[in-house]
PDB file of N, CA and C in Angstrom:
ATOM      1  N   MET A   1      26.439  35.688  38.101  1.00  0.00           N
ATOM      2  CA  MET A   1      27.837  34.894  37.547  1.00  0.00           C
ATOM      3  C   MET A   1      27.771  35.027  36.287  1.00  0.00           C
ATOM      4  N   LEU A   2      26.739  34.587  35.598  1.00  0.00           N
ATOM      5  CA  LEU A   2      26.496  34.480  34.555  1.00  0.00           C
ATOM      6  C   LEU A   2      26.983  36.102  33.690  1.00  0.00           C
ATOM      7  N   ARG A   3      26.737  36.897  33.962  1.00  0.00           N
ATOM      8  CA  ARG A   3      26.778  38.226  33.763  1.00  0.00           C
ATOM      9  C   ARG A   3      28.127  38.411  32.951  1.00  0.00           C
ATOM     10  N   LYS A   4      28.788  38.192  34.188  1.00  0.00           N
ATOM     11  CA  LYS A   4      30.417  38.725  34.124  1.00  0.00           C
ATOM     12  C   LYS A   4      31.183  37.794  33.097  1.00  0.00           C
ATOM     13  N   GLY A   5      30.645  36.457  32.904  1.00  0.00           N
ATOM     14  CA  GLY A   5      31.290  35.487  31.739  1.00  0.00           C
ATOM     15  C   GLY A   5      31.671  36.181  30.974  1.00  0.00           C
ATOM     16  N   ALA A   6      32.738  35.903  30.179  1.00  0.00           N
ATOM     17  CA  ALA A   6      33.348  36.051  29.198  1.00  0.00           C
ATOM     18  C   ALA A   6      32.850  35.656  27.602  1.00  0.00           C
ATOM     19  N   PHE A   7      32.231  34.729  27.834  1.00  0.00           N
ATOM     20  CA  PHE A   7      31.311  34.483  26.340  1.00  0.00           C
ATOM     21  C   PHE A   7      29.629  34.505  27.007  1.00  0.00           C
ATOM     22  N   THR A   8      29.163  35.034  27.996  1.00  0.00           N
ATOM     23  CA  THR A   8      28.021  34.745  27.910  1.00  0.00           C
ATOM     24  C   THR A   8      27.047  35.349  27.059  1.00  0.00           C
ATOM     25  N   GLU A   9      27.163  36.440  26.244  1.00  0.00           N
ATOM     26  CA  GLU A   9      26.747  36.818  25.039  1.00  0.00           C
ATOM     27  C   GLU A   9      26.405  36.000  24.153  1.00  0.00           C
ATOM     28  N   GLN A  10      27.660  34.988  23.745  1.00  0.00           N
ATOM     29  CA  GLN A  10      27.878  34.225  22.628  1.00  0.00           C
ATOM     30  C   GLN A  10      26.141  32.840  22.949  1.00  0.00           C
ATOM     31  N   HIS A  11      26.087  33.012  24.409  1.00  0.00           N
ATOM     32  CA  HIS A  11      25.536  31.457  24.335  1.00  0.00           C
ATOM     33  C   HIS A  11      23.903  31.987  25.486  1.00  0.00           C
ATOM     34  N   TYR A  12      23.882  33.281  25.766  1.00  0.00           N
ATOM     35  CA  TYR A  12      22.691  33.662  26.602  1.00  0.00           C
ATOM     36  C   TYR A  12      22.157  34.975  26.056  1.00  0.00           C
ATOM     37  N   ASP A  13      20.816  34.931  25.989  1.00  0.00           N
ATOM     38  CA  ASP A  13      20.322  36.263  25.662  1.00  0.00           C
ATOM     39  C   ASP A  13      20.323  37.120  27.042  1.00  0.00           C
ATOM     40  N   GLN A  14      19.519  38.654  26.796  1.00  0.00           N
ATOM     41  CA  GLN A  14      19.334  39.169  27.937  1.00  0.00           C
ATOM     42  C   GLN A  14      18.489  38.676  29.362  1.00  0.00           C
ATOM     43  N   ASP A  15      17.902  37.682  28.625  1.00  0.00           N
ATOM     44  CA  ASP A  15      16.853  37.055  29.907  1.00  0.00           C
ATOM     45  C   ASP A  15      17.462  35.457  30.444  1.00  0.00           C
ATOM     46  N   LEU A  16      18.752  35.584  29.966  1.00  0.00           N
ATOM     47  CA  LEU A  16      19.636  34.481  30.604  1.00  0.00           C
ATOM     48  C   LEU A  16      18.993  32.940  30.037  1.00  0.00           C
ATOM     49  N   SER A  17      18.659  33.094  28.901  1.00  0.00           N
ATOM     50  CA  SER A  17      17.994  31.912  28.106  1.00  0.00           C
ATOM     51  C   SER A  17      19.044  31.107  27.380  1.00  0.00           C
ATOM     52  N   PHE A  18      19.309  29.966  27.444  1.00  0.00           N
ATOM     53  CA  PHE A  18      20.324  29.459  26.537  1.00  0.00           C
ATOM     54  C   PHE A  18      20.171  29.201  25.372  1.00  0.00           C
ATOM     55  N   TYR A  19      21.174  29.324  24.304  1.00  0.00           N
ATOM     56  CA  TYR A  19      20.951  29.089  23.184  1.00  0.00           C
ATOM     57  C   TYR A  19      22.264  28.549  22.414  1.00  0.00           C
ATOM     58  N   ALA A  20      22.119  27.192  21.641  1.00  0.00           N
ATOM     59  CA  ALA A  20      22.970  26.230  21.410  1.00  0.00           C
ATOM     60  C   ALA A  20      23.216  26.613  20.160  1.00  0.00           C
ATOM     61  N   THR A  21      24.399  26.822  19.406  1.00  0.00           N
ATOM     62  CA  THR A  21      24.979  27.192  18.149  1.00  0.00           C
ATOM     63  C   THR A  21      25.607  25.976  17.505  1.00  0.00           C
ATOM     64  N   GLU A  22      24.252  26.035  16.367  1.00  0.00           N
ATOM     65  CA  GLU A  22      24.765  24.497  15.585  1.00  0.00           C
ATOM     66  C   GLU A  22      24.945  24.830  14.107  1.00  0.00           C
ATOM     67  N   GLU A  23      25.309  24.057  13.488  1.00  0.00           N
ATOM     68  CA  GLU A  23      25.649  24.381  11.687  1.00  0.00           C
ATOM     69  C   GLU A  23      24.655  22.912  10.835  1.00  0.00           C
ATOM     70  N   ASP A  24      23.694  23.779  10.399  1.00  0.00           N
ATOM     71  CA  ASP A  24      22.651  23.007   9.351  1.00  0.00           C
ATOM     72  C   ASP A  24      23.674  22.037   8.667  1.00  0.00           C
ATOM     73  N   PRO A  25      23.417  20.858   8.572  1.00  0.00           N
ATOM     74  CA  PRO A  25      24.290  19.775   7.823  1.00  0.00           C
ATOM     75  C   PRO A  25      24.221  20.268   6.093  1.00  0.00           C
ATOM     76  N   VAL A  26      22.772  20.652   6.086  1.00  0.00           N
ATOM     77  CA  VAL A  26      22.438  20.538   4.750  1.00  0.00           C
ATOM     78  C   VAL A  26      22.592  22.193   4.000  1.00  0.00           C
ATOM     79  N   THR A  27      22.626  23.090   4.644  1.00  0.00           N
ATOM     80  CA  THR A  27      22.601  24.348   4.363  1.00  0.00           C
ATOM     81  C   THR A  27      24.077  24.900   4.097  1.00  0.00           C
ATOM     82  N   LYS A  28      24.557  24.286   5.689  1.00  0.00           N
ATOM     83  CA  LYS A  28      25.688  24.476   6.256  1.00  0.00           C
ATOM     84  C   LYS A  28      25.760  26.189   6.782  1.00  0.00           C
ATOM     85  N   LYS A  29      24.647  26.859   7.362  1.00  0.00           N
ATOM     86  CA  LYS A  29      24.195  27.773   7.677  1.00  0.00           C
ATOM     87  C   LYS A  29      24.288  27.683   9.076  1.00  0.00           C
ATOM     88  N   THR A  30      24.727  28.437  10.036  1.00  0.00           N
ATOM     89  CA  THR A  30      24.642  28.730  11.591  1.00  0.00           C
ATOM     90  C   THR A  30      23.584  28.967  12.029  1.00  0.00           C
ATOM     91  N   ILE A  31      22.888  28.088  12.643  1.00  0.00           N
ATOM     92  CA  ILE A  31      21.399  28.174  13.692  1.00  0.00           C
ATOM     93  C   ILE A  31      22.023  28.382  15.036  1.00  0.00           C
ATOM     94  N   LYS A  32      20.714  29.219  15.565  1.00  0.00           N
ATOM     95  CA  LYS A  32      20.956  29.407  16.886  1.00  0.00           C
ATOM     96  C   LYS A  32      19.431  28.711  17.506  1.00  0.00           C
ATOM     97  N   ARG A  33      19.548  27.701  18.276  1.00  0.00           N
ATOM     98  CA  ARG A  33      18.373  27.233  18.782  1.00  0.00           C
ATOM     99  C   ARG A  33      18.046  27.430  20.405  1.00  0.00           C
ATOM    100  N   MET A  34      17.273  27.866  21.108  1.00  0.00           N
ATOM    101  CA  MET A  34      16.746  28.219  22.518  1.00  0.00           C
ATOM    102  C   MET A  34      16.538  26.761  23.201  1.00  0.00           C
ATOM    103  N   ILE A  35      17.120  26.310  24.161  1.00  0.00           N
ATOM    104  CA  ILE A  35      17.072  25.131  24.820  1.00  0.00           C
ATOM    105  C   ILE A  35      16.299  25.436  25.755  1.00  0.00           C
ATOM    106  N   LEU A  36      15.190  24.789  26.096  1.00  0.00           N
ATOM    107  CA  LEU A  36      14.395  25.306  27.526  1.00  0.00           C
ATOM    108  C   LEU A  36      14.418  24.459  28.646  1.00  0.00           C
ATOM    109  N   ASN A  37      14.738  23.160  28.303  1.00  0.00           N
ATOM    110  CA  ASN A  37      14.648  22.076  29.575  1.00  0.00           C
ATOM    111  C   ASN A  37      15.768  21.723  29.718  1.00  0.00           C
ATOM    112  N   ILE A  38      16.961  21.963  30.209  1.00  0.00           N
ATOM    113  CA  ILE A  38      17.968  21.608  30.905  1.00  0.00           C
ATOM    114  C   ILE A  38      18.182  20.903  31.886  1.00  0.00           C
ATOM    115  N   LYS A  39      18.242  19.688  31.981  1.00  0.00           N
ATOM    116  CA  LYS A  39      17.922  18.898  33.281  1.00  0.00           C
ATOM    117  C   LYS A  39      19.177  18.617  34.221  1.00  0.00           C
ATOM    118  N   ALA A  40      19.449  18.823  35.331  1.00  0.00           N
ATOM    119  CA  ALA A  40      20.676  18.137  35.879  1.00  0.00           C
ATOM    120  C   ALA A  40      20.772  17.036  36.427  1.00  0.00           C
ATOM    121  N   LYS A  41      22.125  16.406  36.084  1.00  0.00           N
ATOM    122  CA  LYS A  41      22.227  14.909  35.890  1.00  0.00           C
ATOM    123  C   LYS A  41      23.056  14.752  37.765  1.00  0.00           C
ATOM    124  N   ASP A  42      22.395  13.549  38.069  1.00  0.00           N
ATOM    125  CA  ASP A  42      22.775  13.251  39.107  1.00  0.00           C
ATOM    126  C   ASP A  42      24.424  12.671  39.063  1.00  0.00           C
ATOM    127  N   ILE A  43      24.802  13.034  39.888  1.00  0.00           N
ATOM    128  CA  ILE A  43      26.529  12.983  40.202  1.00  0.00           C
ATOM    129  C   ILE A  43      26.502  11.245  40.430  1.00  0.00           C
ATOM    130  N   GLY A  44      25.934  10.730  40.967  1.00  0.00           N
ATOM    131  CA  GLY A  44      25.754   9.060  41.629  1.00  0.00           C
ATOM    132  C   GLY A  44      25.693   8.512  40.232  1.00  0.00           C
ATOM    133  N   THR A  45      24.937   8.543  39.583  1.00  0.00           N
ATOM    134  CA  THR A  45      24.175   7.707  38.815  1.00  0.00           C
ATOM    135  C   THR A  45      25.845   7.979  37.582  1.00  0.00           C
ATOM    136  N   ILE A  46      26.421   8.989  37.435  1.00  0.00           N
ATOM    137  CA  ILE A  46      27.457   9.291  36.555  1.00  0.00           C
ATOM    138  C   ILE A  46      28.742   8.329  37.113  1.00  0.00           C
ATOM    139  N   ILE A  47      29.111   8.283  38.105  1.00  0.00           N
ATOM    140  CA  ILE A  47      30.386   7.728  38.835  1.00  0.00           C
ATOM    141  C   ILE A  47      30.055   6.453  39.260  1.00  0.00           C
ATOM    142  N   THR A  48      29.273   5.958  39.411  1.00  0.00           N
ATOM    143  CA  THR A  48      28.971   4.571  40.000  1.00  0.00           C
ATOM    144  C   THR A  48      29.082   3.629  38.792  1.00  0.00           C
ATOM    145  N   GLY A  49      29.935   2.635  39.333  1.00  0.00           N
ATOM    146  CA  GLY A  49      30.437   1.910  38.319  1.00  0.00           C
ATOM    147  C   GLY A  49      30.316   0.209  39.004  1.00  0.00           C
ATOM    148  N   SER A  50      30.364  -0.522  38.309  1.00  0.00           N
ATOM    149  CA  SER A  50      30.357  -2.063  38.244  1.00  0.00           C
ATOM    150  C   SER A  50      31.696  -2.471  39.311  1.00  0.00           C
ATOM    151  N   GLY A  51      31.790  -2.993  40.758  1.00  0.00           N
ATOM    152  CA  GLY A  51      32.919  -3.352  41.175  1.00  0.00           C
ATOM    153  C   GLY A  51      33.347  -2.860  42.285  1.00  0.00           C
ATOM    154  N   GLU A  52      32.859  -1.171  42.107  1.00  0.00           N
ATOM    155  CA  GLU A  52      33.120   0.072  42.913  1.00  0.00           C
ATOM    156  C   GLU A  52      32.945  -0.407  44.589  1.00  0.00           C
ATOM    157  N   ASP A  53      33.454   0.191  45.274  1.00  0.00           N
ATOM    158  CA  ASP A  53      33.060   0.001  46.927  1.00  0.00           C
ATOM    159  C   ASP A  53      32.271   1.179  47.144  1.00  0.00           C
ATOM    160  N   PRO A  54      30.653   0.950  47.645  1.00  0.00           N
ATOM    161  CA  PRO A  54      29.794   1.466  47.778  1.00  0.00           C
ATOM    162  C   PRO A  54      30.151   2.881  48.322  1.00  0.00           C
ATOM    163  N   LYS A  55      30.591   2.689  49.680  1.00  0.00           N
ATOM    164  CA  LYS A  55      31.008   3.527  50.829  1.00  0.00           C
ATOM    165  C   LYS A  55      31.677   4.827  50.499  1.00  0.00           C
ATOM    166  N   MET A  56      32.826   4.181  49.342  1.00  0.00           N
ATOM    167  CA  MET A  56      33.725   4.954  48.664  1.00  0.00           C
ATOM    168  C   MET A  56      33.020   5.919  47.565  1.00  0.00           C
ATOM    169  N   VAL A  57      32.148   5.142  46.836  1.00  0.00           N
ATOM    170  CA  VAL A  57      31.510   5.957  46.003  1.00  0.00           C
ATOM    171  C   VAL A  57      30.733   7.061  46.609  1.00  0.00           C
ATOM    172  N   ALA A  58      29.783   6.536  47.774  1.00  0.00           N
ATOM    173  CA  ALA A  58      29.129   7.515  48.417  1.00  0.00           C
ATOM    174  C   ALA A  58      29.325   8.737  49.241  1.00  0.00           C
ATOM    175  N   ASN A  59      30.709   8.557  49.468  1.00  0.00           N
ATOM    176  CA  ASN A  59      31.740   9.738  49.860  1.00  0.00           C
ATOM    177  C   ASN A  59      32.273  10.579  48.856  1.00  0.00           C
ATOM    178  N   PHE A  60      32.991   9.887  48.044  1.00  0.00           N
ATOM    179  CA  PHE A  60      33.447  10.918  46.712  1.00  0.00           C
ATOM    180  C   PHE A  60      31.824  11.768  45.956  1.00  0.00           C
ATOM    181  N   LYS A  61      30.786  10.814  46.215  1.00  0.00           N
ATOM    182  CA  LYS A  61      29.605  11.760  45.480  1.00  0.00           C
ATOM    183  C   LYS A  61      29.426  13.016  46.681  1.00  0.00           C
ATOM    184  N   ASP A  62      29.229  12.899  47.712  1.00  0.00           N
ATOM    185  CA  ASP A  62      29.466  13.750  48.714  1.00  0.00           C
ATOM    186  C   ASP A  62      30.094  15.042  48.611  1.00  0.00           C
ATOM    187  N   LEU A  63      31.682  14.748  48.436  1.00  0.00           N
ATOM    188  CA  LEU A  63      32.423  15.712  48.187  1.00  0.00           C
ATOM    189  C   LEU A  63      32.366  16.579  46.922  1.00  0.00           C
ATOM    190  N   LEU A  64      31.956  15.682  46.130  1.00  0.00           N
ATOM    191  CA  LEU A  64      31.696  16.472  44.676  1.00  0.00           C
ATOM    192  C   LEU A  64      30.429  17.267  44.762  1.00  0.00           C
ATOM    193  N   ASP A  65      29.101  16.385  45.370  1.00  0.00           N
ATOM    194  CA  ASP A  65      28.214  17.887  45.539  1.00  0.00           C
ATOM    195  C   ASP A  65      28.483  19.025  46.416  1.00  0.00           C
ATOM    196  N   LYS A  66      29.257  18.705  47.457  1.00  0.00           N
ATOM    197  CA  LYS A  66      30.012  19.983  48.068  1.00  0.00           C
ATOM    198  C   LYS A  66      30.620  20.944  47.327  1.00  0.00           C
ATOM    199  N   ILE A  67      31.759  20.343  46.462  1.00  0.00           N
ATOM    200  CA  ILE A  67      32.247  21.134  45.499  1.00  0.00           C
ATOM    201  C   ILE A  67      31.827  22.105  44.412  1.00  0.00           C
ATOM    202  N   PHE A  68      30.587  21.288  44.195  1.00  0.00           N
ATOM    203  CA  PHE A  68      29.855  21.771  42.801  1.00  0.00           C
ATOM    204  C   PHE A  68      28.894  22.952  43.308  1.00  0.00           C
ATOM    205  N   VAL A  69      28.887  23.254  44.565  1.00  0.00           N
ATOM    206  CA  VAL A  69      27.473  24.016  45.107  1.00  0.00           C
ATOM    207  C   VAL A  69      28.050  25.377  44.716  1.00  0.00           C
ATOM    208  N   LEU A  70      27.235  26.448  44.278  1.00  0.00           N
ATOM    209  CA  LEU A  70      27.651  27.462  43.866  1.00  0.00           C
ATOM    210  C   LEU A  70      27.425  28.651  44.983  1.00  0.00           C
ATOM    211  N   ASP A  71      26.910  28.673  45.985  1.00  0.00           N
ATOM    212  CA  ASP A  71      26.647  29.740  46.983  1.00  0.00           C
ATOM    213  C   ASP A  71      26.878  28.485  48.702  1.00  0.00           C
ATOM    214  N   PRO A  72      28.083  28.643  48.615  1.00  0.00           N
ATOM    215  CA  PRO A  72      28.213  28.078  49.686  1.00  0.00           C
ATOM    216  C   PRO A  72      28.002  28.722  51.159  1.00  0.00           C
TER     217      PRO A  72
END
């Protein structure tokens, strides 16, 4: 999936390691850093709010989990 992306070569190398492009605040030069550990976030902790119906939040989390599956 990544190999066919339009911007893959800007953010990934040939081994599909992710590179973040940042500007150095002192020298104003562009720096590419390899990001090693990208941790997945739990959708449930992101969408849970105070005063929300827990059953509705659980159903919504389940729906989002099913939507974001890459290989159904």
